[in-house]
């Protein structure tokens, strides 16, 4: 039984992306995680990634999944899934990020 989608998926604005990256970096720093030694020379930064789910059979557009990736150079330190609750965005740290997120670098 499919779950009804409460909110239409859409692309994030630049302001929303900047706010989500700031919040993800704050969450990563407050968790006390350390940068691996091989990435210690690179600055810790964040970026957003968008991935489309498989298109449904009813002809509607696929639902967009948004992620915030905290990285140091090429090393991914943490991945946060963005979920919209009413008009606000919530971040949840993923234990096992999607495999193809590395290809979404950029």
PDB file of N, CA and C in Angstrom:
ATOM      1  N   UNK A   1       0.835  -1.167   0.000  1.00  0.00           N
ATOM      2  CA  UNK A   1       0.000   0.000   0.000  1.00  0.00           C
ATOM      3  C   UNK A   1       0.890   1.244   0.000  1.00  0.00           C
ATOM      4  N   UNK A   2       0.778   2.103  -1.012  1.00  0.00           N
ATOM      5  CA  UNK A   2       1.642   3.287  -1.081  1.00  0.00           C
ATOM      6  C   UNK A   2       1.236   4.334  -0.049  1.00  0.00           C
ATOM      7  N   UNK A   3       2.227   5.068   0.415  1.00  0.00           N
ATOM      8  CA  UNK A   3       1.991   6.161   1.353  1.00  0.00           C
ATOM      9  C   UNK A   3       1.681   7.416   0.548  1.00  0.00           C
ATOM     10  N   UNK A   4       0.625   8.109   0.936  1.00  0.00           N
ATOM     11  CA  UNK A   4       0.266   9.341   0.232  1.00  0.00           C
ATOM     12  C   UNK A   4       1.329  10.398   0.459  1.00  0.00           C
ATOM     13  N   UNK A   5       1.675  11.089  -0.615  1.00  0.00           N
ATOM     14  CA  UNK A   5       2.674  12.147  -0.523  1.00  0.00           C
ATOM     15  C   UNK A   5       1.977  13.429  -0.082  1.00  0.00           C
ATOM     16  N   UNK A   6       2.418  13.980   1.049  1.00  0.00           N
ATOM     17  CA  UNK A   6       1.778  15.171   1.584  1.00  0.00           C
ATOM     18  C   UNK A   6       2.267  16.447   0.917  1.00  0.00           C
ATOM     19  N   UNK A   7       3.516  16.477   0.515  1.00  0.00           N
ATOM     20  CA  UNK A   7       4.108  17.682  -0.060  1.00  0.00           C
ATOM     21  C   UNK A   7       4.671  17.362  -1.436  1.00  0.00           C
ATOM     22  N   UNK A   8       4.490  18.290  -2.344  1.00  0.00           N
ATOM     23  CA  UNK A   8       5.076  18.129  -3.665  1.00  0.00           C
ATOM     24  C   UNK A   8       6.581  18.292  -3.574  1.00  0.00           C
ATOM     25  N   UNK A   9       7.309  17.427  -4.259  1.00  0.00           N
ATOM     26  CA  UNK A   9       8.762  17.573  -4.259  1.00  0.00           C
ATOM     27  C   UNK A   9       9.141  18.686  -5.227  1.00  0.00           C
ATOM     28  N   UNK A  10      10.136  19.444  -4.845  1.00  0.00           N
ATOM     29  CA  UNK A  10      10.592  20.562  -5.668  1.00  0.00           C
ATOM     30  C   UNK A  10      12.073  20.756  -5.429  1.00  0.00           C
ATOM     31  N   UNK A  11      12.686  21.536  -6.292  1.00  0.00           N
ATOM     32  CA  UNK A  11      14.094  21.867  -6.104  1.00  0.00           C
ATOM     33  C   UNK A  11      14.222  22.879  -4.973  1.00  0.00           C
ATOM     34  N   UNK A  12      15.342  22.795  -4.267  1.00  0.00           N
ATOM     35  CA  UNK A  12      15.601  23.719  -3.169  1.00  0.00           C
ATOM     36  C   UNK A  12      16.128  25.042  -3.710  1.00  0.00           C
ATOM     37  N   UNK A  13      15.747  26.135  -3.075  1.00  0.00           N
ATOM     38  CA  UNK A  13      16.277  27.437  -3.465  1.00  0.00           C
ATOM     39  C   UNK A  13      17.693  27.584  -2.911  1.00  0.00           C
ATOM     40  N   UNK A  14      18.413  28.585  -3.395  1.00  0.00           N
ATOM     41  CA  UNK A  14      19.785  28.826  -2.926  1.00  0.00           C
ATOM     42  C   UNK A  14      19.815  29.152  -1.433  1.00  0.00           C
ATOM     43  N   UNK A  15      18.832  29.904  -0.965  1.00  0.00           N
ATOM     44  CA  UNK A  15      18.765  30.248   0.457  1.00  0.00           C
ATOM     45  C   UNK A  15      18.525  29.004   1.305  1.00  0.00           C
ATOM     46  N   UNK A  16      17.622  28.137   0.850  1.00  0.00           N
ATOM     47  CA  UNK A  16      17.350  26.892   1.582  1.00  0.00           C
ATOM     48  C   UNK A  16      18.576  25.988   1.590  1.00  0.00           C
ATOM     49  N   UNK A  17      19.273  25.907   0.460  1.00  0.00           N
ATOM     50  CA  UNK A  17      20.486  25.089   0.398  1.00  0.00           C
ATOM     51  C   UNK A  17      21.544  25.604   1.368  1.00  0.00           C
ATOM     52  N   UNK A  18      21.756  26.913   1.397  1.00  0.00           N
ATOM     53  CA  UNK A  18      22.756  27.491   2.303  1.00  0.00           C
ATOM     54  C   UNK A  18      22.391  27.227   3.760  1.00  0.00           C
ATOM     55  N   UNK A  19      21.114  27.350   4.097  1.00  0.00           N
ATOM     56  CA  UNK A  19      20.674  27.098   5.471  1.00  0.00           C
ATOM     57  C   UNK A  19      20.854  25.626   5.843  1.00  0.00           C
ATOM     58  N   UNK A  20      20.527  24.709   4.936  1.00  0.00           N
ATOM     59  CA  UNK A  20      20.676  23.278   5.220  1.00  0.00           C
ATOM     60  C   UNK A  20      22.143  22.889   5.365  1.00  0.00           C
ATOM     61  N   UNK A  21      23.010  23.453   4.538  1.00  0.00           N
ATOM     62  CA  UNK A  21      24.447  23.166   4.648  1.00  0.00           C
ATOM     63  C   UNK A  21      24.978  23.685   5.981  1.00  0.00           C
ATOM     64  N   UNK A  22      24.572  24.890   6.372  1.00  0.00           N
ATOM     65  CA  UNK A  22      24.995  25.453   7.657  1.00  0.00           C
ATOM     66  C   UNK A  22      24.534  24.567   8.806  1.00  0.00           C
ATOM     67  N   UNK A  23      23.287  24.121   8.766  1.00  0.00           N
ATOM     68  CA  UNK A  23      22.755  23.269   9.835  1.00  0.00           C
ATOM     69  C   UNK A  23      23.444  21.910   9.871  1.00  0.00           C
ATOM     70  N   UNK A  24      23.757  21.335   8.706  1.00  0.00           N
ATOM     71  CA  UNK A  24      24.439  20.036   8.665  1.00  0.00           C
ATOM     72  C   UNK A  24      25.860  20.148   9.208  1.00  0.00           C
ATOM     73  N   UNK A  25      26.570  21.215   8.854  1.00  0.00           N
ATOM     74  CA  UNK A  25      27.925  21.406   9.380  1.00  0.00           C
ATOM     75  C   UNK A  25      27.897  21.603  10.897  1.00  0.00           C
ATOM     76  N   UNK A  26      26.909  22.336  11.391  1.00  0.00           N
ATOM     77  CA  UNK A  26      26.765  22.524  12.836  1.00  0.00           C
ATOM     78  C   UNK A  26      26.481  21.198  13.526  1.00  0.00           C
ATOM     79  N   UNK A  27      25.609  20.390  12.946  1.00  0.00           N
ATOM     80  CA  UNK A  27      25.287  19.081  13.531  1.00  0.00           C
ATOM     81  C   UNK A  27      26.503  18.171  13.523  1.00  0.00           C
ATOM     82  N   UNK A  28      27.276  18.193  12.442  1.00  0.00           N
ATOM     83  CA  UNK A  28      28.460  17.332  12.361  1.00  0.00           C
ATOM     84  C   UNK A  28      29.499  17.752  13.402  1.00  0.00           C
ATOM     85  N   UNK A  29      29.738  19.066  13.532  1.00  0.00           N
ATOM     86  CA  UNK A  29      30.712  19.547  14.516  1.00  0.00           C
ATOM     87  C   UNK A  29      30.249  19.267  15.945  1.00  0.00           C
ATOM     88  N   UNK A  30      28.954  19.420  16.216  1.00  0.00           N
ATOM     89  CA  UNK A  30      28.465  19.190  17.577  1.00  0.00           C
ATOM     90  C   UNK A  30      28.446  17.707  17.938  1.00  0.00           C
ATOM     91  N   UNK A  31      28.444  16.819  16.934  1.00  0.00           N
ATOM     92  CA  UNK A  31      28.500  15.377  17.202  1.00  0.00           C
ATOM     93  C   UNK A  31      29.890  14.958  17.660  1.00  0.00           C
ATOM     94  N   UNK A  32      30.888  15.792  17.415  1.00  0.00           N
ATOM     95  CA  UNK A  32      32.245  15.502  17.875  1.00  0.00           C
ATOM     96  C   UNK A  32      32.996  14.528  16.996  1.00  0.00           C
ATOM     97  N   UNK A  33      32.558  14.359  15.762  1.00  0.00           N
ATOM     98  CA  UNK A  33      33.260  13.455  14.852  1.00  0.00           C
ATOM     99  C   UNK A  33      34.590  14.063  14.428  1.00  0.00           C
ATOM    100  N   UNK A  34      35.555  13.207  14.199  1.00  0.00           N
ATOM    101  CA  UNK A  34      36.896  13.658  13.812  1.00  0.00           C
ATOM    102  C   UNK A  34      37.098  13.451  12.315  1.00  0.00           C
ATOM    103  N   UNK A  35      37.937  14.285  11.750  1.00  0.00           N
ATOM    104  CA  UNK A  35      38.308  14.147  10.346  1.00  0.00           C
ATOM    105  C   UNK A  35      39.362  13.056  10.250  1.00  0.00           C
ATOM    106  N   UNK A  36      39.223  12.111   9.299  1.00  0.00           N
ATOM    107  CA  UNK A  36      40.259  11.089   9.159  1.00  0.00           C
ATOM    108  C   UNK A  36      41.610  11.715   8.820  1.00  0.00           C
ATOM    109  N   UNK A  37      42.711  11.086   9.240  1.00  0.00           N
ATOM    110  CA  UNK A  37      44.043  11.679   9.022  1.00  0.00           C
ATOM    111  C   UNK A  37      44.354  11.959   7.558  1.00  0.00           C
ATOM    112  N   UNK A  38      43.873  11.119   6.654  1.00  0.00           N
ATOM    113  CA  UNK A  38      44.184  11.341   5.237  1.00  0.00           C
ATOM    114  C   UNK A  38      43.454  12.555   4.669  1.00  0.00           C
ATOM    115  N   UNK A  39      42.417  13.046   5.355  1.00  0.00           N
ATOM    116  CA  UNK A  39      41.678  14.217   4.886  1.00  0.00           C
ATOM    117  C   UNK A  39      41.909  15.433   5.773  1.00  0.00           C
ATOM    118  N   UNK A  40      42.870  15.359   6.683  1.00  0.00           N
ATOM    119  CA  UNK A  40      43.068  16.427   7.670  1.00  0.00           C
ATOM    120  C   UNK A  40      43.503  17.743   7.033  1.00  0.00           C
ATOM    121  N   UNK A  41      44.143  17.693   5.881  1.00  0.00           N
ATOM    122  CA  UNK A  41      44.617  18.932   5.241  1.00  0.00           C
ATOM    123  C   UNK A  41      43.520  19.637   4.455  1.00  0.00           C
ATOM    124  N   UNK A  42      42.434  18.937   4.186  1.00  0.00           N
ATOM    125  CA  UNK A  42      41.339  19.520   3.405  1.00  0.00           C
ATOM    126  C   UNK A  42      40.348  20.219   4.338  1.00  0.00           C
ATOM    127  N   UNK A  43      39.760  21.331   3.910  1.00  0.00           N
ATOM    128  CA  UNK A  43      38.751  21.981   4.753  1.00  0.00           C
ATOM    129  C   UNK A  43      37.445  21.179   4.741  1.00  0.00           C
ATOM    130  N   UNK A  44      36.755  21.177   5.860  1.00  0.00           N
ATOM    131  CA  UNK A  44      35.455  20.509   5.945  1.00  0.00           C
ATOM    132  C   UNK A  44      34.424  21.433   5.319  1.00  0.00           C
ATOM    133  N   UNK A  45      33.643  20.904   4.392  1.00  0.00           N
ATOM    134  CA  UNK A  45      32.654  21.697   3.673  1.00  0.00           C
ATOM    135  C   UNK A  45      31.388  20.869   3.505  1.00  0.00           C
ATOM    136  N   UNK A  46      30.354  21.505   3.000  1.00  0.00           N
ATOM    137  CA  UNK A  46      29.094  20.817   2.755  1.00  0.00           C
ATOM    138  C   UNK A  46      28.595  21.123   1.362  1.00  0.00           C
ATOM    139  N   UNK A  47      27.774  20.240   0.853  1.00  0.00           N
ATOM    140  CA  UNK A  47      27.145  20.440  -0.456  1.00  0.00           C
ATOM    141  C   UNK A  47      25.810  19.729  -0.445  1.00  0.00           C
ATOM    142  N   UNK A  48      24.926  20.117  -1.332  1.00  0.00           N
ATOM    143  CA  UNK A  48      23.642  19.441  -1.444  1.00  0.00           C
ATOM    144  C   UNK A  48      23.662  18.527  -2.654  1.00  0.00           C
ATOM    145  N   UNK A  49      22.870  17.486  -2.585  1.00  0.00           N
ATOM    146  CA  UNK A  49      22.722  16.552  -3.697  1.00  0.00           C
ATOM    147  C   UNK A  49      21.243  16.208  -3.811  1.00  0.00           C
ATOM    148  N   UNK A  50      20.768  16.074  -5.026  1.00  0.00           N
ATOM    149  CA  UNK A  50      19.377  15.721  -5.280  1.00  0.00           C
ATOM    150  C   UNK A  50      19.343  14.455  -6.108  1.00  0.00           C
ATOM    151  N   UNK A  51      18.473  13.550  -5.713  1.00  0.00           N
ATOM    152  CA  UNK A  51      18.349  12.270  -6.397  1.00  0.00           C
ATOM    153  C   UNK A  51      16.866  12.014  -6.635  1.00  0.00           C
ATOM    154  N   UNK A  52      16.497  11.609  -7.830  1.00  0.00           N
ATOM    155  CA  UNK A  52      15.100  11.304  -8.140  1.00  0.00           C
ATOM    156  C   UNK A  52      14.819   9.837  -7.847  1.00  0.00           C
ATOM    157  N   UNK A  53      13.690   9.600  -7.174  1.00  0.00           N
ATOM    158  CA  UNK A  53      13.271   8.226  -6.956  1.00  0.00           C
ATOM    159  C   UNK A  53      12.764   7.654  -8.270  1.00  0.00           C
ATOM    160  N   UNK A  54      12.547   6.363  -8.289  1.00  0.00           N
ATOM    161  CA  UNK A  54      12.008   5.708  -9.478  1.00  0.00           C
ATOM    162  C   UNK A  54      10.639   6.308  -9.802  1.00  0.00           C
ATOM    163  N   UNK A  55      10.419   6.600 -11.081  1.00  0.00           N
ATOM    164  CA  UNK A  55       9.168   7.222 -11.503  1.00  0.00           C
ATOM    165  C   UNK A  55       8.004   6.253 -11.297  1.00  0.00           C
ATOM    166  N   UNK A  56       6.883   6.735 -10.742  1.00  0.00           N
ATOM    167  CA  UNK A  56       5.726   5.860 -10.563  1.00  0.00           C
ATOM    168  C   UNK A  56       5.080   5.518 -11.898  1.00  0.00           C
ATOM    169  N   UNK A  57       4.287   4.461 -11.896  1.00  0.00           N
ATOM    170  CA  UNK A  57       3.652   3.990 -13.135  1.00  0.00           C
ATOM    171  C   UNK A  57       2.473   4.850 -13.567  1.00  0.00           C
ATOM    172  N   UNK A  58       1.990   5.727 -12.697  1.00  0.00           N
ATOM    173  CA  UNK A  58       0.805   6.513 -13.039  1.00  0.00           C
ATOM    174  C   UNK A  58       1.117   7.745 -13.885  1.00  0.00           C
ATOM    175  N   UNK A  59       2.363   7.920 -14.298  1.00  0.00           N
ATOM    176  CA  UNK A  59       2.731   9.013 -15.189  1.00  0.00           C
ATOM    177  C   UNK A  59       3.092  10.307 -14.494  1.00  0.00           C
ATOM    178  N   UNK A  60       3.074  10.344 -13.175  1.00  0.00           N
ATOM    179  CA  UNK A  60       3.453  11.564 -12.467  1.00  0.00           C
ATOM    180  C   UNK A  60       4.971  11.660 -12.383  1.00  0.00           C
ATOM    181  N   UNK A  61       5.438  12.843 -12.019  1.00  0.00           N
ATOM    182  CA  UNK A  61       6.884  13.053 -11.914  1.00  0.00           C
ATOM    183  C   UNK A  61       7.447  12.290 -10.721  1.00  0.00           C
ATOM    184  N   UNK A  62       8.699  11.849 -10.818  1.00  0.00           N
ATOM    185  CA  UNK A  62       9.302  11.147  -9.675  1.00  0.00           C
ATOM    186  C   UNK A  62       9.533  12.098  -8.504  1.00  0.00           C
ATOM    187  N   UNK A  63       9.501  11.550  -7.308  1.00  0.00           N
ATOM    188  CA  UNK A  63       9.720  12.320  -6.086  1.00  0.00           C
ATOM    189  C   UNK A  63      11.214  12.590  -5.937  1.00  0.00           C
ATOM    190  N   UNK A  64      11.585  13.822  -5.603  1.00  0.00           N
ATOM    191  CA  UNK A  64      12.990  14.187  -5.435  1.00  0.00           C
ATOM    192  C   UNK A  64      13.431  13.960  -3.997  1.00  0.00           C
ATOM    193  N   UNK A  65      14.588  13.342  -3.828  1.00  0.00           N
ATOM    194  CA  UNK A  65      15.199  13.157  -2.521  1.00  0.00           C
ATOM    195  C   UNK A  65      16.364  14.130  -2.411  1.00  0.00           C
ATOM    196  N   UNK A  66      16.446  14.851  -1.306  1.00  0.00           N
ATOM    197  CA  UNK A  66      17.508  15.826  -1.100  1.00  0.00           C
ATOM    198  C   UNK A  66      18.426  15.348   0.015  1.00  0.00           C
ATOM    199  N   UNK A  67      19.723  15.557  -0.165  1.00  0.00           N
ATOM    200  CA  UNK A  67      20.734  15.168   0.806  1.00  0.00           C
ATOM    201  C   UNK A  67      21.687  16.333   1.019  1.00  0.00           C
ATOM    202  N   UNK A  68      22.296  16.382   2.197  1.00  0.00           N
ATOM    203  CA  UNK A  68      23.404  17.294   2.463  1.00  0.00           C
ATOM    204  C   UNK A  68      24.598  16.418   2.800  1.00  0.00           C
ATOM    205  N   UNK A  69      25.690  16.600   2.063  1.00  0.00           N
ATOM    206  CA  UNK A  69      26.897  15.795   2.235  1.00  0.00           C
ATOM    207  C   UNK A  69      27.963  16.668   2.882  1.00  0.00           C
ATOM    208  N   UNK A  70      28.469  16.225   4.030  1.00  0.00           N
ATOM    209  CA  UNK A  70      29.584  16.900   4.700  1.00  0.00           C
ATOM    210  C   UNK A  70      30.838  16.152   4.288  1.00  0.00           C
ATOM    211  N   UNK A  71      31.794  16.873   3.704  1.00  0.00           N
ATOM    212  CA  UNK A  71      32.978  16.207   3.164  1.00  0.00           C
ATOM    213  C   UNK A  71      34.228  17.029   3.440  1.00  0.00           C
ATOM    214  N   UNK A  72      35.354  16.342   3.387  1.00  0.00           N
ATOM    215  CA  UNK A  72      36.671  16.984   3.452  1.00  0.00           C
ATOM    216  C   UNK A  72      37.415  16.502   2.223  1.00  0.00           C
ATOM    217  N   UNK A  73      37.488  17.349   1.221  1.00  0.00           N
ATOM    218  CA  UNK A  73      38.086  16.927  -0.044  1.00  0.00           C
ATOM    219  C   UNK A  73      37.208  15.869  -0.695  1.00  0.00           C
ATOM    220  N   UNK A  74      37.788  14.702  -0.965  1.00  0.00           N
ATOM    221  CA  UNK A  74      37.035  13.602  -1.568  1.00  0.00           C
ATOM    222  C   UNK A  74      36.466  12.641  -0.534  1.00  0.00           C
ATOM    223  N   UNK A  75      36.723  12.867   0.741  1.00  0.00           N
ATOM    224  CA  UNK A  75      36.280  11.966   1.800  1.00  0.00           C
ATOM    225  C   UNK A  75      34.920  12.420   2.332  1.00  0.00           C
ATOM    226  N   UNK A  76      33.917  11.550   2.230  1.00  0.00           N
ATOM    227  CA  UNK A  76      32.593  11.854   2.754  1.00  0.00           C
ATOM    228  C   UNK A  76      32.597  11.563   4.249  1.00  0.00           C
ATOM    229  N   UNK A  77      32.293  12.579   5.054  1.00  0.00           N
ATOM    230  CA  UNK A  77      32.308  12.452   6.510  1.00  0.00           C
ATOM    231  C   UNK A  77      30.932  12.109   7.070  1.00  0.00           C
ATOM    232  N   UNK A  78      29.880  12.672   6.489  1.00  0.00           N
ATOM    233  CA  UNK A  78      28.519  12.405   6.949  1.00  0.00           C
ATOM    234  C   UNK A  78      27.547  12.764   5.835  1.00  0.00           C
ATOM    235  N   UNK A  79      26.403  12.087   5.834  1.00  0.00           N
ATOM    236  CA  UNK A  79      25.336  12.383   4.880  1.00  0.00           C
ATOM    237  C   UNK A  79      24.052  12.574   5.678  1.00  0.00           C
ATOM    238  N   UNK A  80      23.359  13.666   5.398  1.00  0.00           N
ATOM    239  CA  UNK A  80      22.096  13.969   6.060  1.00  0.00           C
ATOM    240  C   UNK A  80      20.986  13.972   5.020  1.00  0.00           C
ATOM    241  N   UNK A  81      19.879  13.310   5.331  1.00  0.00           N
ATOM    242  CA  UNK A  81      18.704  13.271   4.465  1.00  0.00           C
ATOM    243  C   UNK A  81      17.825  14.453   4.841  1.00  0.00           C
ATOM    244  N   UNK A  82      17.337  15.178   3.845  1.00  0.00           N
ATOM    245  CA  UNK A  82      16.473  16.335   4.067  1.00  0.00           C
ATOM    246  C   UNK A  82      15.026  15.888   3.881  1.00  0.00           C
ATOM    247  N   UNK A  83      14.204  16.180   4.873  1.00  0.00           N
ATOM    248  CA  UNK A  83      12.790  15.838   4.777  1.00  0.00           C
ATOM    249  C   UNK A  83      11.976  17.077   5.104  1.00  0.00           C
ATOM    250  N   UNK A  84      10.931  17.310   4.321  1.00  0.00           N
ATOM    251  CA  UNK A  84      10.092  18.479   4.556  1.00  0.00           C
ATOM    252  C   UNK A  84       8.943  18.099   5.482  1.00  0.00           C
ATOM    253  N   UNK A  85       8.820  18.843   6.579  1.00  0.00           N
ATOM    254  CA  UNK A  85       7.717  18.677   7.520  1.00  0.00           C
ATOM    255  C   UNK A  85       6.978  20.007   7.553  1.00  0.00           C
ATOM    256  N   UNK A  86       5.758  20.006   7.028  1.00  0.00           N
ATOM    257  CA  UNK A  86       4.988  21.229   6.825  1.00  0.00           C
ATOM    258  C   UNK A  86       5.821  22.181   5.976  1.00  0.00           C
ATOM    259  N   UNK A  87       6.141  23.387   6.463  1.00  0.00           N
ATOM    260  CA  UNK A  87       6.965  24.291   5.645  1.00  0.00           C
ATOM    261  C   UNK A  87       8.420  24.297   6.076  1.00  0.00           C
ATOM    262  N   UNK A  88       8.787  23.432   7.036  1.00  0.00           N
ATOM    263  CA  UNK A  88      10.152  23.383   7.551  1.00  0.00           C
ATOM    264  C   UNK A  88      10.901  22.172   7.006  1.00  0.00           C
ATOM    265  N   UNK A  89      12.231  22.243   7.045  1.00  0.00           N
ATOM    266  CA  UNK A  89      13.062  21.127   6.611  1.00  0.00           C
ATOM    267  C   UNK A  89      13.738  20.500   7.822  1.00  0.00           C
ATOM    268  N   UNK A  90      13.786  19.183   7.831  1.00  0.00           N
ATOM    269  CA  UNK A  90      14.399  18.437   8.922  1.00  0.00           C
ATOM    270  C   UNK A  90      15.575  17.649   8.365  1.00  0.00           C
ATOM    271  N   UNK A  91      16.676  17.585   9.118  1.00  0.00           N
ATOM    272  CA  UNK A  91      17.850  16.806   8.732  1.00  0.00           C
ATOM    273  C   UNK A  91      17.921  15.546   9.585  1.00  0.00           C
ATOM    274  N   UNK A  92      18.253  14.445   8.949  1.00  0.00           N
ATOM    275  CA  UNK A  92      18.467  13.197   9.679  1.00  0.00           C
ATOM    276  C   UNK A  92      19.730  12.552   9.136  1.00  0.00           C
ATOM    277  N   UNK A  93      20.642  12.223  10.047  1.00  0.00           N
ATOM    278  CA  UNK A  93      21.908  11.624   9.628  1.00  0.00           C
ATOM    279  C   UNK A  93      21.678  10.190   9.177  1.00  0.00           C
ATOM    280  N   UNK A  94      22.267   9.849   8.049  1.00  0.00           N
ATOM    281  CA  UNK A  94      22.113   8.507   7.503  1.00  0.00           C
ATOM    282  C   UNK A  94      23.269   7.633   7.971  1.00  0.00           C
ATOM    283  N   UNK A  95      22.942   6.421   8.391  1.00  0.00           N
ATOM    284  CA  UNK A  95      23.962   5.468   8.804  1.00  0.00           C
ATOM    285  C   UNK A  95      24.653   4.896   7.572  1.00  0.00           C
ATOM    286  N   UNK A  96      23.862   4.619   6.547  1.00  0.00           N
ATOM    287  CA  UNK A  96      24.394   4.032   5.322  1.00  0.00           C
ATOM    288  C   UNK A  96      23.913   4.884   4.145  1.00  0.00           C
ATOM    289  N   UNK A  97      24.733   5.802   3.649  1.00  0.00           N
ATOM    290  CA  UNK A  97      24.294   6.675   2.556  1.00  0.00           C
ATOM    291  C   UNK A  97      24.156   5.899   1.247  1.00  0.00           C
ATOM    292  N   UNK A  98      23.382   6.426   0.295  1.00  0.00           N
ATOM    293  CA  UNK A  98      23.242   5.770  -1.004  1.00  0.00           C
ATOM    294  C   UNK A  98      24.589   5.621  -1.703  1.00  0.00           C
ATOM    295  N   UNK A  99      24.757   4.513  -2.407  1.00  0.00           N
ATOM    296  CA  UNK A  99      26.034   4.232  -3.070  1.00  0.00           C
ATOM    297  C   UNK A  99      26.357   5.250  -4.157  1.00  0.00           C
ATOM    298  N   UNK A 100      25.342   5.715  -4.858  1.00  0.00           N
ATOM    299  CA  UNK A 100      25.600   6.611  -5.983  1.00  0.00           C
ATOM    300  C   UNK A 100      25.763   8.071  -5.567  1.00  0.00           C
ATOM    301  N   UNK A 101      25.829   8.362  -4.277  1.00  0.00           N
ATOM    302  CA  UNK A 101      26.054   9.741  -3.852  1.00  0.00           C
ATOM    303  C   UNK A 101      27.439  10.238  -4.220  1.00  0.00           C
ATOM    304  N   UNK A 102      28.390   9.341  -4.346  1.00  0.00           N
ATOM    305  CA  UNK A 102      29.745   9.742  -4.739  1.00  0.00           C
ATOM    306  C   UNK A 102      29.711  10.318  -6.148  1.00  0.00           C
ATOM    307  N   UNK A 103      28.873   9.762  -7.014  1.00  0.00           N
ATOM    308  CA  UNK A 103      28.767  10.275  -8.379  1.00  0.00           C
ATOM    309  C   UNK A 103      28.077  11.628  -8.423  1.00  0.00           C
ATOM    310  N   UNK A 104      27.351  11.982  -7.374  1.00  0.00           N
ATOM    311  CA  UNK A 104      26.653  13.259  -7.339  1.00  0.00           C
ATOM    312  C   UNK A 104      27.545  14.395  -6.876  1.00  0.00           C
ATOM    313  N   UNK A 105      28.840  14.137  -6.729  1.00  0.00           N
ATOM    314  CA  UNK A 105      29.791  15.157  -6.262  1.00  0.00           C
ATOM    315  C   UNK A 105      29.794  16.315  -7.246  1.00  0.00           C
ATOM    316  N   UNK A 106      29.704  17.499  -6.730  1.00  0.00           N
ATOM    317  CA  UNK A 106      29.799  18.638  -7.614  1.00  0.00           C
ATOM    318  C   UNK A 106      28.945  19.793  -7.234  1.00  0.00           C
TER     319      UNK A 106
END
